Amino acid sequence: MRTDKNTIKTKGTLELYKGEIDAAYDLLEAEAKSGAVQDINGTEEIVEYVRGVVSKVAERPFGDNDDFFEIWSGLASFCSDSY
């Protein structure tokens, strides 16, 4: 979802992917309650943790060169070009 100026429509995009976003937060809460969440120190540990959460929710690998918005099927059809 893009504006006339070709920027992402934040509100519409968040609404479109509300289910996936909620699932990511639910997974995070479940991991926190189970003790699976570790102390994170430094940028690389943050990147690894976020990559793992996105991969679990999306049910596919998520790498450094992957486009977050293209992970979710269907978003590309709403965009005129890649983000």
PDB file of N, CA and C in Angstrom:
ATOM      1  N   MET A   1       0.852  -1.165   0.000  1.00  0.00           N
ATOM      2  CA  MET A   1       0.000   0.000   0.000  1.00  0.00           C
ATOM      3  C   MET A   1       0.899   1.229   0.000  1.00  0.00           C
ATOM      4  N   ARG A   2       0.752   2.013  -1.018  1.00  0.00           N
ATOM      5  CA  ARG A   2       1.609   3.189  -1.163  1.00  0.00           C
ATOM      6  C   ARG A   2       0.768   4.444  -1.372  1.00  0.00           C
ATOM      7  N   THR A   3       1.344   5.560  -0.979  1.00  0.00           N
ATOM      8  CA  THR A   3       0.708   6.856  -1.184  1.00  0.00           C
ATOM      9  C   THR A   3       1.042   7.352  -2.588  1.00  0.00           C
ATOM     10  N   ASP A   4       0.471   8.495  -2.950  1.00  0.00           N
ATOM     11  CA  ASP A   4       0.786   9.100  -4.244  1.00  0.00           C
ATOM     12  C   ASP A   4       2.264   9.462  -4.348  1.00  0.00           C
ATOM     13  N   LYS A   5       2.908   9.692  -3.208  1.00  0.00           N
ATOM     14  CA  LYS A   5       4.334  10.020  -3.190  1.00  0.00           C
ATOM     15  C   LYS A   5       5.200   8.771  -3.108  1.00  0.00           C
ATOM     16  N   ASN A   6       4.573   7.592  -3.235  1.00  0.00           N
ATOM     17  CA  ASN A   6       5.251   6.303  -3.246  1.00  0.00           C
ATOM     18  C   ASN A   6       5.868   5.917  -1.905  1.00  0.00           C
ATOM     19  N   THR A   7       5.313   6.456  -0.815  1.00  0.00           N
ATOM     20  CA  THR A   7       5.730   5.995   0.510  1.00  0.00           C
ATOM     21  C   THR A   7       4.705   4.989   1.010  1.00  0.00           C
ATOM     22  N   ILE A   8       5.099   4.167   1.946  1.00  0.00           N
ATOM     23  CA  ILE A   8       4.200   3.136   2.469  1.00  0.00           C
ATOM     24  C   ILE A   8       3.138   3.775   3.360  1.00  0.00           C
ATOM     25  N   LYS A   9       1.896   3.356   3.164  1.00  0.00           N
ATOM     26  CA  LYS A   9       0.786   3.795   4.012  1.00  0.00           C
ATOM     27  C   LYS A   9       0.850   2.962   5.293  1.00  0.00           C
ATOM     28  N   THR A  10       1.389   3.551   6.339  1.00  0.00           N
ATOM     29  CA  THR A  10       1.629   2.812   7.572  1.00  0.00           C
ATOM     30  C   THR A  10       0.350   2.243   8.164  1.00  0.00           C
ATOM     31  N   LYS A  11      -0.664   3.074   8.344  1.00  0.00           N
ATOM     32  CA  LYS A  11      -1.904   2.613   8.980  1.00  0.00           C
ATOM     33  C   LYS A  11      -2.539   1.467   8.201  1.00  0.00           C
ATOM     34  N   GLY A  12      -2.656   1.628   6.897  1.00  0.00           N
ATOM     35  CA  GLY A  12      -3.257   0.586   6.075  1.00  0.00           C
ATOM     36  C   GLY A  12      -2.452  -0.696   6.074  1.00  0.00           C
ATOM     37  N   THR A  13      -1.135  -0.572   6.015  1.00  0.00           N
ATOM     38  CA  THR A  13      -0.267  -1.744   6.024  1.00  0.00           C
ATOM     39  C   THR A  13      -0.366  -2.473   7.359  1.00  0.00           C
ATOM     40  N   LEU A  14      -0.374  -1.724   8.451  1.00  0.00           N
ATOM     41  CA  LEU A  14      -0.506  -2.354   9.771  1.00  0.00           C
ATOM     42  C   LEU A  14      -1.850  -3.057   9.911  1.00  0.00           C
ATOM     43  N   GLU A  15      -2.915  -2.439   9.395  1.00  0.00           N
ATOM     44  CA  GLU A  15      -4.234  -3.069   9.449  1.00  0.00           C
ATOM     45  C   GLU A  15      -4.267  -4.338   8.599  1.00  0.00           C
ATOM     46  N   LEU A  16      -3.643  -4.286   7.418  1.00  0.00           N
ATOM     47  CA  LEU A  16      -3.615  -5.419   6.510  1.00  0.00           C
ATOM     48  C   LEU A  16      -2.921  -6.628   7.142  1.00  0.00           C
ATOM     49  N   TYR A  17      -1.877  -6.360   7.909  1.00  0.00           N
ATOM     50  CA  TYR A  17      -1.092  -7.444   8.506  1.00  0.00           C
ATOM     51  C   TYR A  17      -1.270  -7.559  10.009  1.00  0.00           C
ATOM     52  N   LYS A  18      -2.407  -7.089  10.507  1.00  0.00           N
ATOM     53  CA  LYS A  18      -2.681  -7.133  11.945  1.00  0.00           C
ATOM     54  C   LYS A  18      -2.561  -8.553  12.498  1.00  0.00           C
ATOM     55  N   GLY A  19      -3.099  -9.522  11.790  1.00  0.00           N
ATOM     56  CA  GLY A  19      -3.045 -10.915  12.248  1.00  0.00           C
ATOM     57  C   GLY A  19      -1.624 -11.415  12.412  1.00  0.00           C
ATOM     58  N   GLU A  20      -0.775 -11.131  11.431  1.00  0.00           N
ATOM     59  CA  GLU A  20       0.613 -11.572  11.496  1.00  0.00           C
ATOM     60  C   GLU A  20       1.384 -10.843  12.589  1.00  0.00           C
ATOM     61  N   ILE A  21       1.112  -9.557  12.738  1.00  0.00           N
ATOM     62  CA  ILE A  21       1.779  -8.771  13.784  1.00  0.00           C
ATOM     63  C   ILE A  21       1.376  -9.285  15.159  1.00  0.00           C
ATOM     64  N   ASP A  22       0.071  -9.514  15.336  1.00  0.00           N
ATOM     65  CA  ASP A  22      -0.410 -10.051  16.610  1.00  0.00           C
ATOM     66  C   ASP A  22       0.201 -11.413  16.898  1.00  0.00           C
ATOM     67  N   ALA A  23       0.335 -12.246  15.862  1.00  0.00           N
ATOM     68  CA  ALA A  23       0.943 -13.567  16.039  1.00  0.00           C
ATOM     69  C   ALA A  23       2.390 -13.445  16.492  1.00  0.00           C
ATOM     70  N   ALA A  24       3.118 -12.468  15.952  1.00  0.00           N
ATOM     71  CA  ALA A  24       4.506 -12.260  16.358  1.00  0.00           C
ATOM     72  C   ALA A  24       4.579 -11.858  17.826  1.00  0.00           C
ATOM     73  N   TYR A  25       3.695 -10.950  18.242  1.00  0.00           N
ATOM     74  CA  TYR A  25       3.671 -10.553  19.654  1.00  0.00           C
ATOM     75  C   TYR A  25       3.245 -11.711  20.554  1.00  0.00           C
ATOM     76  N   ASP A  26       2.278 -12.504  20.118  1.00  0.00           N
ATOM     77  CA  ASP A  26       1.859 -13.668  20.901  1.00  0.00           C
ATOM     78  C   ASP A  26       3.006 -14.650  21.079  1.00  0.00           C
ATOM     79  N   LEU A  27       3.755 -14.878  20.006  1.00  0.00           N
ATOM     80  CA  LEU A  27       4.911 -15.772  20.072  1.00  0.00           C
ATOM     81  C   LEU A  27       5.950 -15.226  21.040  1.00  0.00           C
ATOM     82  N   LEU A  28       6.198 -13.938  20.977  1.00  0.00           N
ATOM     83  CA  LEU A  28       7.165 -13.318  21.879  1.00  0.00           C
ATOM     84  C   LEU A  28       6.729 -13.471  23.332  1.00  0.00           C
ATOM     85  N   GLU A  29       5.446 -13.225  23.603  1.00  0.00           N
ATOM     86  CA  GLU A  29       4.946 -13.376  24.966  1.00  0.00           C
ATOM     87  C   GLU A  29       5.056 -14.816  25.444  1.00  0.00           C
ATOM     88  N   ALA A  30       4.722 -15.771  24.573  1.00  0.00           N
ATOM     89  CA  ALA A  30       4.817 -17.184  24.950  1.00  0.00           C
ATOM     90  C   ALA A  30       6.257 -17.570  25.245  1.00  0.00           C
ATOM     91  N   GLU A  31       7.185 -17.091  24.439  1.00  0.00           N
ATOM     92  CA  GLU A  31       8.590 -17.398  24.680  1.00  0.00           C
ATOM     93  C   GLU A  31       9.079 -16.748  25.968  1.00  0.00           C
ATOM     94  N   ALA A  32       8.613 -15.542  26.239  1.00  0.00           N
ATOM     95  CA  ALA A  32       9.023 -14.857  27.470  1.00  0.00           C
ATOM     96  C   ALA A  32       8.520 -15.620  28.691  1.00  0.00           C
ATOM     97  N   LYS A  33       7.295 -16.099  28.635  1.00  0.00           N
ATOM     98  CA  LYS A  33       6.720 -16.851  29.764  1.00  0.00           C
ATOM     99  C   LYS A  33       7.401 -18.202  29.952  1.00  0.00           C
ATOM    100  N   SER A  34       7.883 -18.787  28.858  1.00  0.00           N
ATOM    101  CA  SER A  34       8.511 -20.102  28.943  1.00  0.00           C
ATOM    102  C   SER A  34       9.983 -20.023  29.324  1.00  0.00           C
ATOM    103  N   GLY A  35      10.520 -18.801  29.382  1.00  0.00           N
ATOM    104  CA  GLY A  35      11.936 -18.637  29.696  1.00  0.00           C
ATOM    105  C   GLY A  35      12.832 -18.759  28.485  1.00  0.00           C
ATOM    106  N   ALA A  36      12.235 -18.841  27.292  1.00  0.00           N
ATOM    107  CA  ALA A  36      13.029 -18.995  26.073  1.00  0.00           C
ATOM    108  C   ALA A  36      13.709 -17.699  25.658  1.00  0.00           C
ATOM    109  N   VAL A  37      13.210 -16.572  26.142  1.00  0.00           N
ATOM    110  CA  VAL A  37      13.808 -15.283  25.792  1.00  0.00           C
ATOM    111  C   VAL A  37      15.063 -15.083  26.626  1.00  0.00           C
ATOM    112  N   GLN A  38      16.135 -14.734  25.968  1.00  0.00           N
ATOM    113  CA  GLN A  38      17.417 -14.542  26.624  1.00  0.00           C
ATOM    114  C   GLN A  38      17.715 -13.052  26.736  1.00  0.00           C
ATOM    115  N   ASP A  39      18.671 -12.738  27.612  1.00  0.00           N
ATOM    116  CA  ASP A  39      19.166 -11.368  27.636  1.00  0.00           C
ATOM    117  C   ASP A  39      19.869 -11.118  26.308  1.00  0.00           C
ATOM    118  N   ILE A  40      19.613  -9.972  25.740  1.00  0.00           N
ATOM    119  CA  ILE A  40      20.197  -9.634  24.448  1.00  0.00           C
ATOM    120  C   ILE A  40      21.184  -8.493  24.648  1.00  0.00           C
ATOM    121  N   ASN A  41      22.409  -8.716  24.217  1.00  0.00           N
ATOM    122  CA  ASN A  41      23.467  -7.716  24.352  1.00  0.00           C
ATOM    123  C   ASN A  41      24.075  -7.447  22.996  1.00  0.00           C
ATOM    124  N   GLY A  42      23.862  -6.272  22.477  1.00  0.00           N
ATOM    125  CA  GLY A  42      24.507  -5.884  21.228  1.00  0.00           C
ATOM    126  C   GLY A  42      23.622  -6.049  20.009  1.00  0.00           C
ATOM    127  N   THR A  43      24.009  -5.353  18.980  1.00  0.00           N
ATOM    128  CA  THR A  43      23.239  -5.303  17.743  1.00  0.00           C
ATOM    129  C   THR A  43      23.093  -6.662  17.096  1.00  0.00           C
ATOM    130  N   GLU A  44      24.155  -7.428  17.019  1.00  0.00           N
ATOM    131  CA  GLU A  44      24.096  -8.723  16.339  1.00  0.00           C
ATOM    132  C   GLU A  44      23.122  -9.673  17.032  1.00  0.00           C
ATOM    133  N   GLU A  45      23.076  -9.659  18.348  1.00  0.00           N
ATOM    134  CA  GLU A  45      22.131 -10.517  19.066  1.00  0.00           C
ATOM    135  C   GLU A  45      20.692 -10.070  18.811  1.00  0.00           C
ATOM    136  N   ILE A  46      20.472  -8.772  18.700  1.00  0.00           N
ATOM    137  CA  ILE A  46      19.134  -8.258  18.392  1.00  0.00           C
ATOM    138  C   ILE A  46      18.725  -8.715  16.991  1.00  0.00           C
ATOM    139  N   VAL A  47      19.628  -8.586  16.031  1.00  0.00           N
ATOM    140  CA  VAL A  47      19.345  -8.993  14.655  1.00  0.00           C
ATOM    141  C   VAL A  47      19.011 -10.485  14.603  1.00  0.00           C
ATOM    142  N   GLU A  48      19.800 -11.300  15.274  1.00  0.00           N
ATOM    143  CA  GLU A  48      19.561 -12.744  15.287  1.00  0.00           C
ATOM    144  C   GLU A  48      18.211 -13.078  15.922  1.00  0.00           C
ATOM    145  N   TYR A  49      17.872 -12.393  17.004  1.00  0.00           N
ATOM    146  CA  TYR A  49      16.602 -12.660  17.677  1.00  0.00           C
ATOM    147  C   TYR A  49      15.419 -12.283  16.783  1.00  0.00           C
ATOM    148  N   VAL A  50      15.465 -11.085  16.190  1.00  0.00           N
ATOM    149  CA  VAL A  50      14.375 -10.631  15.322  1.00  0.00           C
ATOM    150  C   VAL A  50      14.264 -11.559  14.110  1.00  0.00           C
ATOM    151  N   ARG A  51      15.380 -11.940  13.533  1.00  0.00           N
ATOM    152  CA  ARG A  51      15.373 -12.865  12.398  1.00  0.00           C
ATOM    153  C   ARG A  51      14.686 -14.178  12.793  1.00  0.00           C
ATOM    154  N   GLY A  52      14.984 -14.684  13.964  1.00  0.00           N
ATOM    155  CA  GLY A  52      14.366 -15.925  14.422  1.00  0.00           C
ATOM    156  C   GLY A  52      12.869 -15.802  14.617  1.00  0.00           C
ATOM    157  N   VAL A  53      12.422 -14.691  15.212  1.00  0.00           N
ATOM    158  CA  VAL A  53      10.989 -14.483  15.435  1.00  0.00           C
ATOM    159  C   VAL A  53      10.260 -14.355  14.102  1.00  0.00           C
ATOM    160  N   VAL A  54      10.803 -13.544  13.188  1.00  0.00           N
ATOM    161  CA  VAL A  54      10.165 -13.366  11.877  1.00  0.00           C
ATOM    162  C   VAL A  54      10.118 -14.701  11.136  1.00  0.00           C
ATOM    163  N   SER A  55      11.186 -15.473  11.193  1.00  0.00           N
ATOM    164  CA  SER A  55      11.220 -16.774  10.522  1.00  0.00           C
ATOM    165  C   SER A  55      10.159 -17.716  11.083  1.00  0.00           C
ATOM    166  N   LYS A  56       9.987 -17.716  12.399  1.00  0.00           N
ATOM    167  CA  LYS A  56       8.970 -18.582  13.009  1.00  0.00           C
ATOM    168  C   LYS A  56       7.570 -18.169  12.598  1.00  0.00           C
ATOM    169  N   VAL A  57       7.278 -16.888  12.671  1.00  0.00           N
ATOM    170  CA  VAL A  57       5.940 -16.404  12.343  1.00  0.00           C
ATOM    171  C   VAL A  57       5.644 -16.588  10.860  1.00  0.00           C
ATOM    172  N   ALA A  58       6.614 -16.288  10.007  1.00  0.00           N
ATOM    173  CA  ALA A  58       6.422 -16.398   8.558  1.00  0.00           C
ATOM    174  C   ALA A  58       6.526 -17.846   8.070  1.00  0.00           C
ATOM    175  N   GLU A  59       7.029 -18.717   8.945  1.00  0.00           N
ATOM    176  CA  GLU A  59       7.222 -20.130   8.623  1.00  0.00           C
ATOM    177  C   GLU A  59       8.116 -20.311   7.400  1.00  0.00           C
ATOM    178  N   ARG A  60       9.164 -19.482   7.337  1.00  0.00           N
ATOM    179  CA  ARG A  60      10.181 -19.580   6.291  1.00  0.00           C
ATOM    180  C   ARG A  60      11.411 -18.819   6.758  1.00  0.00           C
ATOM    181  N   PRO A  61      12.576 -19.148   6.217  1.00  0.00           N
ATOM    182  CA  PRO A  61      13.795 -18.444   6.621  1.00  0.00           C
ATOM    183  C   PRO A  61      13.733 -16.959   6.268  1.00  0.00           C
ATOM    184  N   PHE A  62      14.350 -16.146   7.091  1.00  0.00           N
ATOM    185  CA  PHE A  62      14.421 -14.703   6.860  1.00  0.00           C
ATOM    186  C   PHE A  62      15.873 -14.300   7.009  1.00  0.00           C
ATOM    187  N   GLY A  63      16.488 -13.850   5.909  1.00  0.00           N
ATOM    188  CA  GLY A  63      17.907 -13.518   5.913  1.00  0.00           C
ATOM    189  C   GLY A  63      18.170 -12.033   5.838  1.00  0.00           C
ATOM    190  N   ASP A  64      19.437 -11.675   5.930  1.00  0.00           N
ATOM    191  CA  ASP A  64      19.850 -10.278   5.912  1.00  0.00           C
ATOM    192  C   ASP A  64      19.414  -9.535   4.651  1.00  0.00           C
ATOM    193  N   ASN A  65      19.343 -10.214   3.538  1.00  0.00           N
ATOM    194  CA  ASN A  65      19.010  -9.562   2.278  1.00  0.00           C
ATOM    195  C   ASN A  65      17.541  -9.687   1.896  1.00  0.00           C
ATOM    196  N   ASP A  66      16.728 -10.284   2.761  1.00  0.00           N
ATOM    197  CA  ASP A  66      15.303 -10.425   2.474  1.00  0.00           C
ATOM    198  C   ASP A  66      14.567  -9.131   2.801  1.00  0.00           C
ATOM    199  N   ASP A  67      13.547  -8.845   2.006  1.00  0.00           N
ATOM    200  CA  ASP A  67      12.706  -7.676   2.205  1.00  0.00           C
ATOM    201  C   ASP A  67      11.582  -8.062   3.159  1.00  0.00           C
ATOM    202  N   PHE A  68      11.536  -7.436   4.328  1.00  0.00           N
ATOM    203  CA  PHE A  68      10.543  -7.770   5.351  1.00  0.00           C
ATOM    204  C   PHE A  68       9.130  -7.739   4.786  1.00  0.00           C
ATOM    205  N   PHE A  69       8.803  -6.698   4.013  1.00  0.00           N
ATOM    206  CA  PHE A  69       7.440  -6.545   3.524  1.00  0.00           C
ATOM    207  C   PHE A  69       7.086  -7.574   2.452  1.00  0.00           C
ATOM    208  N   GLU A  70       8.080  -8.150   1.802  1.00  0.00           N
ATOM    209  CA  GLU A  70       7.791  -9.183   0.813  1.00  0.00           C
ATOM    210  C   GLU A  70       7.682 -10.565   1.448  1.00  0.00           C
ATOM    211  N   ILE A  71       8.057 -10.694   2.705  1.00  0.00           N
ATOM    212  CA  ILE A  71       7.896 -11.965   3.404  1.00  0.00           C
ATOM    213  C   ILE A  71       6.422 -12.331   3.470  1.00  0.00           C
ATOM    214  N   TRP A  72       5.591 -11.361   3.723  1.00  0.00           N
ATOM    215  CA  TRP A  72       4.160 -11.624   3.851  1.00  0.00           C
ATOM    216  C   TRP A  72       3.542 -11.701   2.463  1.00  0.00           C
ATOM    217  N   SER A  73       2.981 -12.853   2.154  1.00  0.00           N
ATOM    218  CA  SER A  73       2.410 -13.035   0.822  1.00  0.00           C
ATOM    219  C   SER A  73       1.273 -12.048   0.597  1.00  0.00           C
ATOM    220  N   GLY A  74       1.222 -11.521  -0.590  1.00  0.00           N
ATOM    221  CA  GLY A  74       0.158 -10.597  -0.946  1.00  0.00           C
ATOM    222  C   GLY A  74       0.561  -9.145  -0.939  1.00  0.00           C
ATOM    223  N   LEU A  75       1.522  -8.750  -0.103  1.00  0.00           N
ATOM    224  CA  LEU A  75       1.874  -7.331  -0.039  1.00  0.00           C
ATOM    225  C   LEU A  75       2.437  -6.856  -1.369  1.00  0.00           C
ATOM    226  N   ALA A  76       3.235  -7.677  -2.018  1.00  0.00           N
ATOM    227  CA  ALA A  76       3.850  -7.265  -3.273  1.00  0.00           C
ATOM    228  C   ALA A  76       2.802  -6.901  -4.313  1.00  0.00           C
ATOM    229  N   SER A  77       1.634  -7.537  -4.270  1.00  0.00           N
ATOM    230  CA  SER A  77       0.611  -7.225  -5.250  1.00  0.00           C
ATOM    231  C   SER A  77       0.000  -5.853  -5.023  1.00  0.00           C
ATOM    232  N   PHE A  78       0.166  -5.311  -3.826  1.00  0.00           N
ATOM    233  CA  PHE A  78      -0.359  -3.989  -3.523  1.00  0.00           C
ATOM    234  C   PHE A  78       0.675  -2.881  -3.754  1.00  0.00           C
ATOM    235  N   CYS A  79       1.917  -3.254  -3.983  1.00  0.00           N
ATOM    236  CA  CYS A  79       2.984  -2.279  -4.146  1.00  0.00           C
ATOM    237  C   CYS A  79       3.353  -2.150  -5.613  1.00  0.00           C
ATOM    238  N   SER A  80       3.673  -0.959  -6.017  1.00  0.00           N
ATOM    239  CA  SER A  80       4.060  -0.755  -7.404  1.00  0.00           C
ATOM    240  C   SER A  80       5.505  -1.175  -7.666  1.00  0.00           C
ATOM    241  N   ASP A  81       6.334  -1.123  -6.620  1.00  0.00           N
ATOM    242  CA  ASP A  81       7.705  -1.608  -6.729  1.00  0.00           C
ATOM    243  C   ASP A  81       8.168  -2.067  -5.361  1.00  0.00           C
ATOM    244  N   SER A  82       9.320  -2.711  -5.301  1.00  0.00           N
ATOM    245  CA  SER A  82       9.773  -3.213  -4.002  1.00  0.00           C
ATOM    246  C   SER A  82      10.261  -2.083  -3.116  1.00  0.00           C
ATOM    247  N   TYR A  83      10.096  -2.282  -1.809  1.00  0.00           N
ATOM    248  CA  TYR A  83      10.442  -1.280  -0.800  1.00  0.00           C
ATOM    249  C   TYR A  83      11.913  -1.240  -0.598  1.00  0.00           C
TER     250      TYR A  83
END
